[in-house]
Amino acid sequence: MPRYYVTLIVAVALFMETMDSTIIATSLPAIAADLGEDPIALKLALTSYLLSLAVFIPISGWMADRFGARTVFRAAIVVFTLGSAACGFSTSLLDFILFRVVQGMGGAMMVPVGRLVILRSIPKSELISSLAWLTVPALMGPVIGPPLGGFITTMFSWRWIFWINIPVGLLGIYLATRFIENFKEEKVPALDLKGFFLSGIGLAGLAFGFTIVGQPLFPSWFVAGLLTVGAISCVLYVRHALKIPAPLLDLRLLKIPTFFANIAGGFLFRIGVGATPFLLPLYFQLGFGMTPLESGMLTFSIAVGAIVMKTTAAPILRQFGYRPILVWNAIIAGSFIMVCALFTEATPQVVILATLLVGGFFRSLEFTAINTIAYADIDGHEMSKATSFASVSQQISISAGVAVGALVLEMQRAGREGHEVLASDFHAAFLIVGAIAASSALVFMRLPKDAGASLSRRAHAVGEPAKQSQLRTEDRV
């Protein structure tokens, strides 16, 4: 079977997840009004999904090795689709959050296992083009999501934004059954149950604790308790993971410079990018009085810029190399996030569209570089561990971005009579998250000059130094 068949099948799952995320961001104000909740409180629906991903992603690689990639991938699509259908029947914020957690459980297996299938079947020299080929169809989710979500919410009901996942899920189940090989590892270590519980409690405590800081939803002692338990559990997990040979999240992978850059630099960059889909729809709808459809038609331009970039990512990285692109492009992409603070009701929509489109181009280029360099120096037998680790970091950083953006908004409106959200409240939020994204350049500066050479034809130009760098990396592991 041609390789691109598998890539396109995984793209169906990624399309469903990304479309779901962008649709709900556009429709948050309408969902909040229907459920009788504060729009800012609806960030719990976003972070609960991302948190569920972070908790369950670590076991995705182990489950694929143990039960087979096709079995896990197909079951994940089933769970995600059922969770989507249930979200459409929610009658309260609690119901909505619970069903989003179910969605997250499916997504936690669906995307990482699909990516693992691709990583194990494609040579590193073709990885840039292959992942770009994967994300181009998947980026149709963000393109279609905002305007479609706005149209459905304005013309029909927000509940249909979840029910449209059902036919896509059914298609994914059929394609996975027909075309994906159910490969397994011959020798799979026992599941690190202690690590699973420690990491799950730690990530859940920290993510939810930071999300509800400043919210009247829970008493202060409860928030402090969550943060304390989360921090202690994470410390205990680190001690546990360094003592056993096969931990759930192998921290020893951080000794590899390119993988460390993906985790540390990618975490900072995604804080800014993760906050943007949460902030922009609220900014346009609550600050400028736009309808969900009008808001969606503006924000979809980010994904259009991202799709345009995908055709040029591989040539750009091969021409200039990973390190210069990661450093300078992080600053450029972060600056475009900060520029959003300058938008006003008087700003022509064509200017907003152009700014978001160009910003989406640079953001997607950075994502391609960050996502691919993670596997530049990873051996085949460590690929499932690296995929799980990178996916956890990705989801936690996006959740952190939503939490940071919402916290800045809450601080801006704190003490104000009426507690309403004003357009001016968003200025500081965009400046802060954009600066955090740009600061990732400080991490990428530490990369060696030949970083990522094995992923592109520059490996031939770099020659022996690249080989020596990879040998040094393998020695450290």
Foldseek 3Di string as FASTA:
>chain_A
DDLVLLLVLLLLVLLLVLLLLLLCLLCLVVVCVQQVHDSLVLLLLVLLLLLLLLLQLLCLLLCCQVFFLLVQQLVLLVQLLVLLLQCLVDNHSVSNSVSSSSNSNSVSNHNLSSVLLSVLPDFLQCVLLSVLSNCLSSLVSLLCRQLVSLCCVVPPNNSVSSNVSNVSSVVSSVSSVPDPDRDHHPDRDDAPVLLSVLSSLLSVLCLVLLQCVLPPPDDPVVSVVSNVSNVVSVVVSVVVLVPDDDHSQNPLLCLQLLLVLLQVLVLLQLLLVLQVSNQQSCLCCQAQVDGSNVSSVQLSLLSVLLSVLSVVLQVVCLVQNLLVLLQVLLLVLLVLLLCVLVDDNPDDSVVSSVSSNNSSNSSNSNVSSSVSLSCLLPDSVCSSSSSSNSSSSNSSSSSNSNSQLSVQQSVLQPPPVVSGGYSNSNNVSSNVSSVSSNVSSVSSNPDDRCRSVSNHVCCVVVDPVVVVSSVVSVVSD
